[in-house]
């Protein structure tokens, strides 16, 4: 997963590496395994800790075109806008088969995102 995203956060675009040479991003499921989401690259994103937290709590999501959606329920919309990619779109893997599948993104918008 992290290789597909070049160890870069899909939401912020940051590619931070710690002193030991490890990337700060982690693999995050779009549709969790607990909700019958498969453990495959197209059901995942490389996310920093902050982006992962916001995604899991429905404060951000992605459209089918990978536009980053920000919940109206966030207490700091300007801060979230400053955190995300400047163009407002998630970074995607180069290989089409590894890109977030629209089916999983729709599930996240319908079951997790707080519009």
PDB file of N, CA and C in Angstrom:
ATOM      1  N   UNK A   1       0.828  -1.189   0.000  1.00  0.00           N
ATOM      2  CA  UNK A   1       0.000   0.000   0.000  1.00  0.00           C
ATOM      3  C   UNK A   1       0.871   1.251   0.000  1.00  0.00           C
ATOM      4  N   UNK A   2       1.807   1.333   0.932  1.00  0.00           N
ATOM      5  CA  UNK A   2       2.614   2.546   1.034  1.00  0.00           C
ATOM      6  C   UNK A   2       3.449   2.771  -0.218  1.00  0.00           C
ATOM      7  N   UNK A   3       3.916   1.702  -0.819  1.00  0.00           N
ATOM      8  CA  UNK A   3       4.690   1.810  -2.060  1.00  0.00           C
ATOM      9  C   UNK A   3       3.826   2.381  -3.184  1.00  0.00           C
ATOM     10  N   UNK A   4       2.558   1.973  -3.241  1.00  0.00           N
ATOM     11  CA  UNK A   4       1.650   2.463  -4.282  1.00  0.00           C
ATOM     12  C   UNK A   4       1.482   3.978  -4.194  1.00  0.00           C
ATOM     13  N   UNK A   5       1.590   4.525  -2.986  1.00  0.00           N
ATOM     14  CA  UNK A   5       1.444   5.968  -2.767  1.00  0.00           C
ATOM     15  C   UNK A   5       2.791   6.676  -2.607  1.00  0.00           C
ATOM     16  N   UNK A   6       3.871   5.966  -2.908  1.00  0.00           N
ATOM     17  CA  UNK A   6       5.222   6.523  -2.764  1.00  0.00           C
ATOM     18  C   UNK A   6       5.438   7.060  -1.345  1.00  0.00           C
ATOM     19  N   UNK A   7       4.847   6.377  -0.371  1.00  0.00           N
ATOM     20  CA  UNK A   7       4.961   6.724   1.048  1.00  0.00           C
ATOM     21  C   UNK A   7       4.530   8.169   1.329  1.00  0.00           C
ATOM     22  N   UNK A   8       3.565   8.653   0.560  1.00  0.00           N
ATOM     23  CA  UNK A   8       3.049  10.024   0.666  1.00  0.00           C
ATOM     24  C   UNK A   8       1.598   9.964   1.129  1.00  0.00           C
ATOM     25  N   UNK A   9       1.210  10.867   2.029  1.00  0.00           N
ATOM     26  CA  UNK A   9      -0.167  10.927   2.498  1.00  0.00           C
ATOM     27  C   UNK A   9      -1.073  11.366   1.349  1.00  0.00           C
ATOM     28  N   UNK A  10      -2.110  10.586   1.073  1.00  0.00           N
ATOM     29  CA  UNK A  10      -3.027  10.880  -0.028  1.00  0.00           C
ATOM     30  C   UNK A  10      -3.803  12.169   0.194  1.00  0.00           C
ATOM     31  N   UNK A  11      -3.987  12.577   1.436  1.00  0.00           N
ATOM     32  CA  UNK A  11      -4.791  13.759   1.756  1.00  0.00           C
ATOM     33  C   UNK A  11      -3.938  15.030   1.816  1.00  0.00           C
ATOM     34  N   UNK A  12      -2.837  14.981   2.529  1.00  0.00           N
ATOM     35  CA  UNK A  12      -2.010  16.183   2.700  1.00  0.00           C
ATOM     36  C   UNK A  12      -0.927  16.314   1.635  1.00  0.00           C
ATOM     37  N   UNK A  13      -0.530  15.194   1.068  1.00  0.00           N
ATOM     38  CA  UNK A  13       0.565  15.206   0.104  1.00  0.00           C
ATOM     39  C   UNK A  13       1.935  15.135   0.750  1.00  0.00           C
ATOM     40  N   UNK A  14       1.977  15.147   2.082  1.00  0.00           N
ATOM     41  CA  UNK A  14       3.266  15.134   2.771  1.00  0.00           C
ATOM     42  C   UNK A  14       3.944  13.773   2.686  1.00  0.00           C
ATOM     43  N   UNK A  15       5.254  13.812   2.521  1.00  0.00           N
ATOM     44  CA  UNK A  15       6.071  12.594   2.532  1.00  0.00           C
ATOM     45  C   UNK A  15       7.112  12.776   3.628  1.00  0.00           C
ATOM     46  N   UNK A  16       6.680  12.519   4.853  1.00  0.00           N
ATOM     47  CA  UNK A  16       7.545  12.691   6.009  1.00  0.00           C
ATOM     48  C   UNK A  16       8.201  11.363   6.371  1.00  0.00           C
ATOM     49  N   UNK A  17       9.488  11.433   6.697  1.00  0.00           N
ATOM     50  CA  UNK A  17      10.252  10.246   7.064  1.00  0.00           C
ATOM     51  C   UNK A  17      10.879  10.505   8.421  1.00  0.00           C
ATOM     52  N   UNK A  18      10.784   9.522   9.316  1.00  0.00           N
ATOM     53  CA  UNK A  18      11.351   9.709  10.647  1.00  0.00           C
ATOM     54  C   UNK A  18      12.869   9.503  10.616  1.00  0.00           C
ATOM     55  N   UNK A  19      13.514   9.688  11.752  1.00  0.00           N
ATOM     56  CA  UNK A  19      14.966   9.562  11.835  1.00  0.00           C
ATOM     57  C   UNK A  19      15.489   8.193  11.474  1.00  0.00           C
ATOM     58  N   UNK A  20      14.645   7.184  11.574  1.00  0.00           N
ATOM     59  CA  UNK A  20      15.054   5.826  11.223  1.00  0.00           C
ATOM     60  C   UNK A  20      14.806   5.489   9.757  1.00  0.00           C
ATOM     61  N   UNK A  21      14.328   6.459   8.983  1.00  0.00           N
ATOM     62  CA  UNK A  21      14.098   6.233   7.566  1.00  0.00           C
ATOM     63  C   UNK A  21      12.724   5.670   7.225  1.00  0.00           C
ATOM     64  N   UNK A  22      11.840   5.568   8.213  1.00  0.00           N
ATOM     65  CA  UNK A  22      10.497   5.035   7.965  1.00  0.00           C
ATOM     66  C   UNK A  22       9.522   6.160   7.666  1.00  0.00           C
ATOM     67  N   UNK A  23       8.598   5.872   6.743  1.00  0.00           N
ATOM     68  CA  UNK A  23       7.583   6.862   6.377  1.00  0.00           C
ATOM     69  C   UNK A  23       6.596   7.057   7.525  1.00  0.00           C
ATOM     70  N   UNK A  24       6.084   8.267   7.653  1.00  0.00           N
ATOM     71  CA  UNK A  24       5.126   8.601   8.703  1.00  0.00           C
ATOM     72  C   UNK A  24       3.718   8.129   8.349  1.00  0.00           C
ATOM     73  N   UNK A  25       3.460   7.751   7.109  1.00  0.00           N
ATOM     74  CA  UNK A  25       2.119   7.319   6.708  1.00  0.00           C
ATOM     75  C   UNK A  25       1.878   5.853   7.055  1.00  0.00           C
ATOM     76  N   UNK A  26       0.598   5.513   7.117  1.00  0.00           N
ATOM     77  CA  UNK A  26       0.200   4.132   7.368  1.00  0.00           C
ATOM     78  C   UNK A  26      -0.929   3.780   6.411  1.00  0.00           C
ATOM     79  N   UNK A  27      -1.113   2.500   6.189  1.00  0.00           N
ATOM     80  CA  UNK A  27      -2.213   2.030   5.346  1.00  0.00           C
ATOM     81  C   UNK A  27      -3.521   2.150   6.114  1.00  0.00           C
ATOM     82  N   UNK A  28      -4.536   2.698   5.464  1.00  0.00           N
ATOM     83  CA  UNK A  28      -5.857   2.864   6.071  1.00  0.00           C
ATOM     84  C   UNK A  28      -6.904   2.270   5.144  1.00  0.00           C
ATOM     85  N   UNK A  29      -7.816   1.487   5.705  1.00  0.00           N
ATOM     86  CA  UNK A  29      -8.903   0.931   4.905  1.00  0.00           C
ATOM     87  C   UNK A  29      -9.961   2.003   4.638  1.00  0.00           C
ATOM     88  N   UNK A  30     -10.523   1.978   3.450  1.00  0.00           N
ATOM     89  CA  UNK A  30     -11.644   2.859   3.125  1.00  0.00           C
ATOM     90  C   UNK A  30     -12.914   2.258   3.721  1.00  0.00           C
ATOM     91  N   UNK A  31     -13.189   1.007   3.376  1.00  0.00           N
ATOM     92  CA  UNK A  31     -14.257   0.251   4.030  1.00  0.00           C
ATOM     93  C   UNK A  31     -13.562  -0.723   4.970  1.00  0.00           C
ATOM     94  N   UNK A  32     -13.730  -0.540   6.275  1.00  0.00           N
ATOM     95  CA  UNK A  32     -13.001  -1.363   7.242  1.00  0.00           C
ATOM     96  C   UNK A  32     -13.256  -2.863   7.060  1.00  0.00           C
ATOM     97  N   UNK A  33     -12.267  -3.642   7.428  1.00  0.00           N
ATOM     98  CA  UNK A  33     -12.390  -5.100   7.381  1.00  0.00           C
ATOM     99  C   UNK A  33     -13.567  -5.550   8.248  1.00  0.00           C
ATOM    100  N   UNK A  34     -13.782  -4.868   9.387  1.00  0.00           N
ATOM    101  CA  UNK A  34     -14.892  -5.206  10.285  1.00  0.00           C
ATOM    102  C   UNK A  34     -16.248  -4.997   9.615  1.00  0.00           C
ATOM    103  N   UNK A  35     -16.272  -4.180   8.555  1.00  0.00           N
ATOM    104  CA  UNK A  35     -17.508  -3.918   7.808  1.00  0.00           C
ATOM    105  C   UNK A  35     -17.460  -4.630   6.456  1.00  0.00           C
ATOM    106  N   UNK A  36     -16.785  -5.780   6.432  1.00  0.00           N
ATOM    107  CA  UNK A  36     -16.652  -6.616   5.234  1.00  0.00           C
ATOM    108  C   UNK A  36     -15.860  -5.966   4.105  1.00  0.00           C
ATOM    109  N   UNK A  37     -14.958  -5.070   4.457  1.00  0.00           N
ATOM    110  CA  UNK A  37     -14.075  -4.484   3.453  1.00  0.00           C
ATOM    111  C   UNK A  37     -12.889  -5.402   3.200  1.00  0.00           C
ATOM    112  N   UNK A  38     -12.553  -5.625   1.945  1.00  0.00           N
ATOM    113  CA  UNK A  38     -11.426  -6.512   1.641  1.00  0.00           C
ATOM    114  C   UNK A  38     -10.084  -5.845   1.937  1.00  0.00           C
ATOM    115  N   UNK A  39      -9.100  -6.660   2.201  1.00  0.00           N
ATOM    116  CA  UNK A  39      -7.757  -6.182   2.497  1.00  0.00           C
ATOM    117  C   UNK A  39      -6.969  -6.118   1.187  1.00  0.00           C
ATOM    118  N   UNK A  40      -7.335  -5.144   0.332  1.00  0.00           N
ATOM    119  CA  UNK A  40      -6.701  -4.972  -0.973  1.00  0.00           C
ATOM    120  C   UNK A  40      -6.330  -3.500  -1.156  1.00  0.00           C
ATOM    121  N   UNK A  41      -5.382  -3.247  -2.054  1.00  0.00           N
ATOM    122  CA  UNK A  41      -4.887  -1.877  -2.249  1.00  0.00           C
ATOM    123  C   UNK A  41      -6.005  -0.924  -2.660  1.00  0.00           C
ATOM    124  N   UNK A  42      -6.921  -1.350  -3.519  1.00  0.00           N
ATOM    125  CA  UNK A  42      -7.979  -0.447  -3.990  1.00  0.00           C
ATOM    126  C   UNK A  42      -9.019  -0.129  -2.911  1.00  0.00           C
ATOM    127  N   UNK A  43      -8.908  -0.764  -1.743  1.00  0.00           N
ATOM    128  CA  UNK A  43      -9.751  -0.436  -0.593  1.00  0.00           C
ATOM    129  C   UNK A  43      -8.912   0.249   0.479  1.00  0.00           C
ATOM    130  N   UNK A  44      -7.894   0.951   0.050  1.00  0.00           N
ATOM    131  CA  UNK A  44      -7.036   1.592   1.024  1.00  0.00           C
ATOM    132  C   UNK A  44      -6.473   2.905   0.560  1.00  0.00           C
ATOM    133  N   UNK A  45      -5.921   3.607   1.517  1.00  0.00           N
ATOM    134  CA  UNK A  45      -5.243   4.875   1.288  1.00  0.00           C
ATOM    135  C   UNK A  45      -4.008   4.915   2.167  1.00  0.00           C
ATOM    136  N   UNK A  46      -2.979   5.609   1.733  1.00  0.00           N
ATOM    137  CA  UNK A  46      -1.839   5.903   2.599  1.00  0.00           C
ATOM    138  C   UNK A  46      -2.154   7.233   3.271  1.00  0.00           C
ATOM    139  N   UNK A  47      -2.240   7.226   4.603  1.00  0.00           N
ATOM    140  CA  UNK A  47      -2.640   8.429   5.331  1.00  0.00           C
ATOM    141  C   UNK A  47      -1.713   8.704   6.506  1.00  0.00           C
ATOM    142  N   UNK A  48      -1.475   9.984   6.762  1.00  0.00           N
ATOM    143  CA  UNK A  48      -0.763  10.385   7.970  1.00  0.00           C
ATOM    144  C   UNK A  48      -1.687  10.128   9.159  1.00  0.00           C
ATOM    145  N   UNK A  49      -1.140  10.212  10.350  1.00  0.00           N
ATOM    146  CA  UNK A  49      -1.954   9.968  11.535  1.00  0.00           C
ATOM    147  C   UNK A  49      -3.154  10.894  11.636  1.00  0.00           C
ATOM    148  N   UNK A  50      -2.965  12.169  11.376  1.00  0.00           N
ATOM    149  CA  UNK A  50      -4.061  13.139  11.471  1.00  0.00           C
ATOM    150  C   UNK A  50      -5.109  12.877  10.400  1.00  0.00           C
ATOM    151  N   UNK A  51      -4.675  12.640   9.162  1.00  0.00           N
ATOM    152  CA  UNK A  51      -5.622  12.369   8.070  1.00  0.00           C
ATOM    153  C   UNK A  51      -6.389  11.083   8.343  1.00  0.00           C
ATOM    154  N   UNK A  52      -5.706  10.068   8.857  1.00  0.00           N
ATOM    155  CA  UNK A  52      -6.356   8.789   9.166  1.00  0.00           C
ATOM    156  C   UNK A  52      -7.434   8.995  10.226  1.00  0.00           C
ATOM    157  N   UNK A  53      -7.112   9.753  11.259  1.00  0.00           N
ATOM    158  CA  UNK A  53      -8.069  10.030  12.329  1.00  0.00           C
ATOM    159  C   UNK A  53      -9.303  10.739  11.775  1.00  0.00           C
ATOM    160  N   UNK A  54      -9.103  11.775  10.945  1.00  0.00           N
ATOM    161  CA  UNK A  54     -10.236  12.517  10.375  1.00  0.00           C
ATOM    162  C   UNK A  54     -11.057  11.642   9.438  1.00  0.00           C
ATOM    163  N   UNK A  55     -10.395  10.793   8.639  1.00  0.00           N
ATOM    164  CA  UNK A  55     -11.089   9.917   7.702  1.00  0.00           C
ATOM    165  C   UNK A  55     -11.939   8.898   8.450  1.00  0.00           C
ATOM    166  N   UNK A  56     -11.368   8.265   9.471  1.00  0.00           N
ATOM    167  CA  UNK A  56     -12.104   7.254  10.244  1.00  0.00           C
ATOM    168  C   UNK A  56     -13.296   7.853  10.983  1.00  0.00           C
ATOM    169  N   UNK A  57     -13.229   9.112  11.350  1.00  0.00           N
ATOM    170  CA  UNK A  57     -14.324   9.758  12.080  1.00  0.00           C
ATOM    171  C   UNK A  57     -15.302  10.487  11.173  1.00  0.00           C
ATOM    172  N   UNK A  58     -15.101  10.375   9.877  1.00  0.00           N
ATOM    173  CA  UNK A  58     -16.040  10.955   8.923  1.00  0.00           C
ATOM    174  C   UNK A  58     -15.939  12.462   8.764  1.00  0.00           C
ATOM    175  N   UNK A  59     -14.837  13.045   9.198  1.00  0.00           N
ATOM    176  CA  UNK A  59     -14.660  14.485   9.045  1.00  0.00           C
ATOM    177  C   UNK A  59     -14.163  14.853   7.654  1.00  0.00           C
ATOM    178  N   UNK A  60     -13.563  13.882   6.971  1.00  0.00           N
ATOM    179  CA  UNK A  60     -13.188  14.036   5.564  1.00  0.00           C
ATOM    180  C   UNK A  60     -13.555  12.757   4.830  1.00  0.00           C
ATOM    181  N   UNK A  61     -13.757  12.877   3.536  1.00  0.00           N
ATOM    182  CA  UNK A  61     -14.019  11.717   2.683  1.00  0.00           C
ATOM    183  C   UNK A  61     -13.546  12.081   1.288  1.00  0.00           C
ATOM    184  N   UNK A  62     -13.794  11.194   0.337  1.00  0.00           N
ATOM    185  CA  UNK A  62     -13.386  11.433  -1.045  1.00  0.00           C
ATOM    186  C   UNK A  62     -14.553  11.185  -1.980  1.00  0.00           C
ATOM    187  N   UNK A  63     -14.667  12.040  -2.989  1.00  0.00           N
ATOM    188  CA  UNK A  63     -15.657  11.811  -4.043  1.00  0.00           C
ATOM    189  C   UNK A  63     -15.127  10.704  -4.953  1.00  0.00           C
ATOM    190  N   UNK A  64     -15.953  10.258  -5.875  1.00  0.00           N
ATOM    191  CA  UNK A  64     -15.515   9.253  -6.840  1.00  0.00           C
ATOM    192  C   UNK A  64     -14.375   9.740  -7.713  1.00  0.00           C
ATOM    193  N   UNK A  65     -14.240  11.062  -7.844  1.00  0.00           N
ATOM    194  CA  UNK A  65     -13.153  11.666  -8.620  1.00  0.00           C
ATOM    195  C   UNK A  65     -11.970  12.064  -7.747  1.00  0.00           C
ATOM    196  N   UNK A  66     -11.995  11.631  -6.486  1.00  0.00           N
ATOM    197  CA  UNK A  66     -10.939  11.877  -5.502  1.00  0.00           C
ATOM    198  C   UNK A  66     -10.858  13.319  -5.012  1.00  0.00           C
ATOM    199  N   UNK A  67     -11.945  14.077  -5.181  1.00  0.00           N
ATOM    200  CA  UNK A  67     -12.003  15.383  -4.541  1.00  0.00           C
ATOM    201  C   UNK A  67     -12.128  15.151  -3.038  1.00  0.00           C
ATOM    202  N   UNK A  68     -11.401  15.925  -2.249  1.00  0.00           N
ATOM    203  CA  UNK A  68     -11.451  15.779  -0.796  1.00  0.00           C
ATOM    204  C   UNK A  68     -12.663  16.544  -0.275  1.00  0.00           C
ATOM    205  N   UNK A  69     -13.530  15.830   0.432  1.00  0.00           N
ATOM    206  CA  UNK A  69     -14.749  16.407   1.004  1.00  0.00           C
ATOM    207  C   UNK A  69     -14.508  16.692   2.479  1.00  0.00           C
ATOM    208  N   UNK A  70     -14.927  17.851   2.926  1.00  0.00           N
ATOM    209  CA  UNK A  70     -14.761  18.247   4.326  1.00  0.00           C
ATOM    210  C   UNK A  70     -16.138  18.350   4.962  1.00  0.00           C
ATOM    211  N   UNK A  71     -16.311  17.686   6.075  1.00  0.00           N
ATOM    212  CA  UNK A  71     -17.580  17.707   6.790  1.00  0.00           C
ATOM    213  C   UNK A  71     -17.887  19.098   7.332  1.00  0.00           C
ATOM    214  N   UNK A  72     -19.149  19.473   7.285  1.00  0.00           N
ATOM    215  CA  UNK A  72     -19.581  20.727   7.913  1.00  0.00           C
ATOM    216  C   UNK A  72     -19.520  20.617   9.435  1.00  0.00           C
ATOM    217  N   UNK A  73     -19.379  19.398   9.956  1.00  0.00           N
ATOM    218  CA  UNK A  73     -19.347  19.200  11.401  1.00  0.00           C
ATOM    219  C   UNK A  73     -17.951  19.386  12.006  1.00  0.00           C
ATOM    220  N   UNK A  74     -16.948  19.604  11.172  1.00  0.00           N
ATOM    221  CA  UNK A  74     -15.615  19.824  11.722  1.00  0.00           C
ATOM    222  C   UNK A  74     -15.582  21.166  12.447  1.00  0.00           C
ATOM    223  N   UNK A  75     -14.860  21.217  13.546  1.00  0.00           N
ATOM    224  CA  UNK A  75     -14.809  22.453  14.332  1.00  0.00           C
ATOM    225  C   UNK A  75     -13.798  23.457  13.772  1.00  0.00           C
ATOM    226  N   UNK A  76     -12.965  23.052  12.794  1.00  0.00           N
ATOM    227  CA  UNK A  76     -11.936  23.943  12.256  1.00  0.00           C
ATOM    228  C   UNK A  76     -11.805  23.743  10.743  1.00  0.00           C
ATOM    229  N   UNK A  77     -12.832  24.134   9.979  1.00  0.00           N
ATOM    230  CA  UNK A  77     -12.776  23.905   8.529  1.00  0.00           C
ATOM    231  C   UNK A  77     -11.608  24.599   7.848  1.00  0.00           C
ATOM    232  N   UNK A  78     -11.219  25.781   8.311  1.00  0.00           N
ATOM    233  CA  UNK A  78     -10.075  26.474   7.711  1.00  0.00           C
ATOM    234  C   UNK A  78      -8.781  25.700   7.970  1.00  0.00           C
ATOM    235  N   UNK A  79      -8.642  25.154   9.159  1.00  0.00           N
ATOM    236  CA  UNK A  79      -7.470  24.341   9.484  1.00  0.00           C
ATOM    237  C   UNK A  79      -7.406  23.083   8.640  1.00  0.00           C
ATOM    238  N   UNK A  80      -8.551  22.452   8.426  1.00  0.00           N
ATOM    239  CA  UNK A  80      -8.584  21.248   7.587  1.00  0.00           C
ATOM    240  C   UNK A  80      -8.222  21.615   6.149  1.00  0.00           C
ATOM    241  N   UNK A  81      -8.772  22.726   5.648  1.00  0.00           N
ATOM    242  CA  UNK A  81      -8.431  23.164   4.283  1.00  0.00           C
ATOM    243  C   UNK A  81      -6.945  23.449   4.146  1.00  0.00           C
ATOM    244  N   UNK A  82      -6.326  23.988   5.182  1.00  0.00           N
ATOM    245  CA  UNK A  82      -4.890  24.263   5.151  1.00  0.00           C
ATOM    246  C   UNK A  82      -4.071  22.976   5.176  1.00  0.00           C
ATOM    247  N   UNK A  83      -4.630  21.921   5.756  1.00  0.00           N
ATOM    248  CA  UNK A  83      -3.934  20.639   5.903  1.00  0.00           C
ATOM    249  C   UNK A  83      -3.964  19.807   4.623  1.00  0.00           C
ATOM    250  N   UNK A  84      -5.051  19.901   3.862  1.00  0.00           N
ATOM    251  CA  UNK A  84      -5.207  19.045   2.684  1.00  0.00           C
ATOM    252  C   UNK A  84      -4.407  19.598   1.499  1.00  0.00           C
ATOM    253  N   UNK A  85      -4.278  18.752   0.456  1.00  0.00           N
ATOM    254  CA  UNK A  85      -3.588  19.171  -0.770  1.00  0.00           C
ATOM    255  C   UNK A  85      -4.155  20.488  -1.261  1.00  0.00           C
ATOM    256  N   UNK A  86      -3.299  21.337  -1.780  1.00  0.00           N
ATOM    257  CA  UNK A  86      -3.722  22.661  -2.240  1.00  0.00           C
ATOM    258  C   UNK A  86      -4.774  22.605  -3.345  1.00  0.00           C
ATOM    259  N   UNK A  87      -4.741  21.547  -4.172  1.00  0.00           N
ATOM    260  CA  UNK A  87      -5.723  21.446  -5.257  1.00  0.00           C
ATOM    261  C   UNK A  87      -7.026  20.788  -4.810  1.00  0.00           C
ATOM    262  N   UNK A  88      -7.087  20.348  -3.544  1.00  0.00           N
ATOM    263  CA  UNK A  88      -8.317  19.768  -3.010  1.00  0.00           C
ATOM    264  C   UNK A  88      -8.609  18.360  -3.480  1.00  0.00           C
ATOM    265  N   UNK A  89      -7.629  17.710  -4.096  1.00  0.00           N
ATOM    266  CA  UNK A  89      -7.806  16.336  -4.584  1.00  0.00           C
ATOM    267  C   UNK A  89      -6.799  15.419  -3.905  1.00  0.00           C
ATOM    268  N   UNK A  90      -7.230  14.187  -3.670  1.00  0.00           N
ATOM    269  CA  UNK A  90      -6.341  13.193  -3.077  1.00  0.00           C
ATOM    270  C   UNK A  90      -5.307  12.739  -4.103  1.00  0.00           C
ATOM    271  N   UNK A  91      -4.146  12.418  -3.604  1.00  0.00           N
ATOM    272  CA  UNK A  91      -3.110  11.821  -4.442  1.00  0.00           C
ATOM    273  C   UNK A  91      -3.490  10.365  -4.650  1.00  0.00           C
ATOM    274  N   UNK A  92      -3.309   9.869  -5.868  1.00  0.00           N
ATOM    275  CA  UNK A  92      -3.672   8.483  -6.184  1.00  0.00           C
ATOM    276  C   UNK A  92      -2.457   7.746  -6.738  1.00  0.00           C
ATOM    277  N   UNK A  93      -2.427   6.438  -6.554  1.00  0.00           N
ATOM    278  CA  UNK A  93      -1.357   5.649  -7.164  1.00  0.00           C
ATOM    279  C   UNK A  93      -1.386   5.787  -8.693  1.00  0.00           C
ATOM    280  N   UNK A  94      -0.238   5.610  -9.303  1.00  0.00           N
ATOM    281  CA  UNK A  94      -0.151   5.700 -10.766  1.00  0.00           C
ATOM    282  C   UNK A  94      -0.879   4.559 -11.456  1.00  0.00           C
ATOM    283  N   UNK A  95      -0.771   3.371 -10.896  1.00  0.00           N
ATOM    284  CA  UNK A  95      -1.420   2.207 -11.508  1.00  0.00           C
ATOM    285  C   UNK A  95      -2.919   2.247 -11.231  1.00  0.00           C
ATOM    286  N   UNK A  96      -3.728   2.186 -12.280  1.00  0.00           N
ATOM    287  CA  UNK A  96      -5.187   2.267 -12.139  1.00  0.00           C
ATOM    288  C   UNK A  96      -5.737   1.215 -11.197  1.00  0.00           C
ATOM    289  N   UNK A  97      -5.202   0.014 -11.248  1.00  0.00           N
ATOM    290  CA  UNK A  97      -5.721  -1.086 -10.415  1.00  0.00           C
ATOM    291  C   UNK A  97      -5.508  -0.818  -8.922  1.00  0.00           C
ATOM    292  N   UNK A  98      -4.573   0.055  -8.579  1.00  0.00           N
ATOM    293  CA  UNK A  98      -4.291   0.355  -7.172  1.00  0.00           C
ATOM    294  C   UNK A  98      -5.049   1.581  -6.656  1.00  0.00           C
ATOM    295  N   UNK A  99      -5.707   2.298  -7.535  1.00  0.00           N
ATOM    296  CA  UNK A  99      -6.436   3.509  -7.116  1.00  0.00           C
ATOM    297  C   UNK A  99      -7.663   3.144  -6.284  1.00  0.00           C
ATOM    298  N   UNK A 100      -8.083   4.043  -5.407  1.00  0.00           N
ATOM    299  CA  UNK A 100      -9.275   3.760  -4.586  1.00  0.00           C
ATOM    300  C   UNK A 100     -10.484   3.471  -5.478  1.00  0.00           C
ATOM    301  N   UNK A 101     -11.120   2.349  -5.221  1.00  0.00           N
ATOM    302  CA  UNK A 101     -12.268   1.952  -6.040  1.00  0.00           C
ATOM    303  C   UNK A 101     -13.487   2.793  -5.663  1.00  0.00           C
ATOM    304  N   UNK A 102     -14.211   3.301  -6.665  1.00  0.00           N
ATOM    305  CA  UNK A 102     -15.403   4.135  -6.384  1.00  0.00           C
ATOM    306  C   UNK A 102     -16.428   3.456  -5.479  1.00  0.00           C
ATOM    307  N   UNK A 103     -16.531   2.132  -5.555  1.00  0.00           N
ATOM    308  CA  UNK A 103     -17.472   1.398  -4.705  1.00  0.00           C
ATOM    309  C   UNK A 103     -17.136   1.598  -3.222  1.00  0.00           C
ATOM    310  N   UNK A 104     -15.856   1.497  -2.872  1.00  0.00           N
ATOM    311  CA  UNK A 104     -15.444   1.657  -1.476  1.00  0.00           C
ATOM    312  C   UNK A 104     -15.571   3.124  -1.047  1.00  0.00           C
ATOM    313  N   UNK A 105     -15.245   4.037  -1.946  1.00  0.00           N
ATOM    314  CA  UNK A 105     -15.383   5.462  -1.623  1.00  0.00           C
ATOM    315  C   UNK A 105     -16.845   5.815  -1.364  1.00  0.00           C
ATOM    316  N   UNK A 106     -17.748   5.276  -2.169  1.00  0.00           N
ATOM    317  CA  UNK A 106     -19.181   5.526  -1.970  1.00  0.00           C
ATOM    318  C   UNK A 106     -19.621   4.968  -0.623  1.00  0.00           C
ATOM    319  N   UNK A 107     -19.149   3.763  -0.281  1.00  0.00           N
ATOM    320  CA  UNK A 107     -19.489   3.174   1.017  1.00  0.00           C
ATOM    321  C   UNK A 107     -19.054   4.117   2.144  1.00  0.00           C
ATOM    322  N   UNK A 108     -17.842   4.643   2.053  1.00  0.00           N
ATOM    323  CA  UNK A 108     -17.350   5.544   3.100  1.00  0.00           C
ATOM    324  C   UNK A 108     -18.219   6.798   3.202  1.00  0.00           C
ATOM    325  N   UNK A 109     -18.590   7.379   2.074  1.00  0.00           N
ATOM    326  CA  UNK A 109     -19.436   8.576   2.101  1.00  0.00           C
ATOM    327  C   UNK A 109     -20.807   8.277   2.700  1.00  0.00           C
ATOM    328  N   UNK A 110     -21.356   7.096   2.405  1.00  0.00           N
ATOM    329  CA  UNK A 110     -22.693   6.750   2.888  1.00  0.00           C
ATOM    330  C   UNK A 110     -22.727   6.272   4.342  1.00  0.00           C
ATOM    331  N   UNK A 111     -21.631   5.691   4.835  1.00  0.00           N
ATOM    332  CA  UNK A 111     -21.652   5.088   6.161  1.00  0.00           C
ATOM    333  C   UNK A 111     -20.765   5.778   7.196  1.00  0.00           C
ATOM    334  N   UNK A 112     -19.809   6.592   6.758  1.00  0.00           N
ATOM    335  CA  UNK A 112     -18.875   7.217   7.710  1.00  0.00           C
ATOM    336  C   UNK A 112     -18.893   8.736   7.657  1.00  0.00           C
ATOM    337  N   UNK A 113     -18.939   9.275   6.461  1.00  0.00           N
ATOM    338  CA  UNK A 113     -18.826  10.723   6.285  1.00  0.00           C
ATOM    339  C   UNK A 113     -19.999  11.447   6.917  1.00  0.00           C
ATOM    340  N   UNK A 114     -19.701  12.565   7.539  1.00  0.00           N
ATOM    341  CA  UNK A 114     -20.728  13.408   8.169  1.00  0.00           C
ATOM    342  C   UNK A 114     -20.837  14.690   7.340  1.00  0.00           C
ATOM    343  N   UNK A 115     -21.733  14.712   6.351  1.00  0.00           N
ATOM    344  CA  UNK A 115     -21.786  15.862   5.429  1.00  0.00           C
ATOM    345  C   UNK A 115     -22.066  17.189   6.059  1.00  0.00           C
TER     346      UNK A 115
END
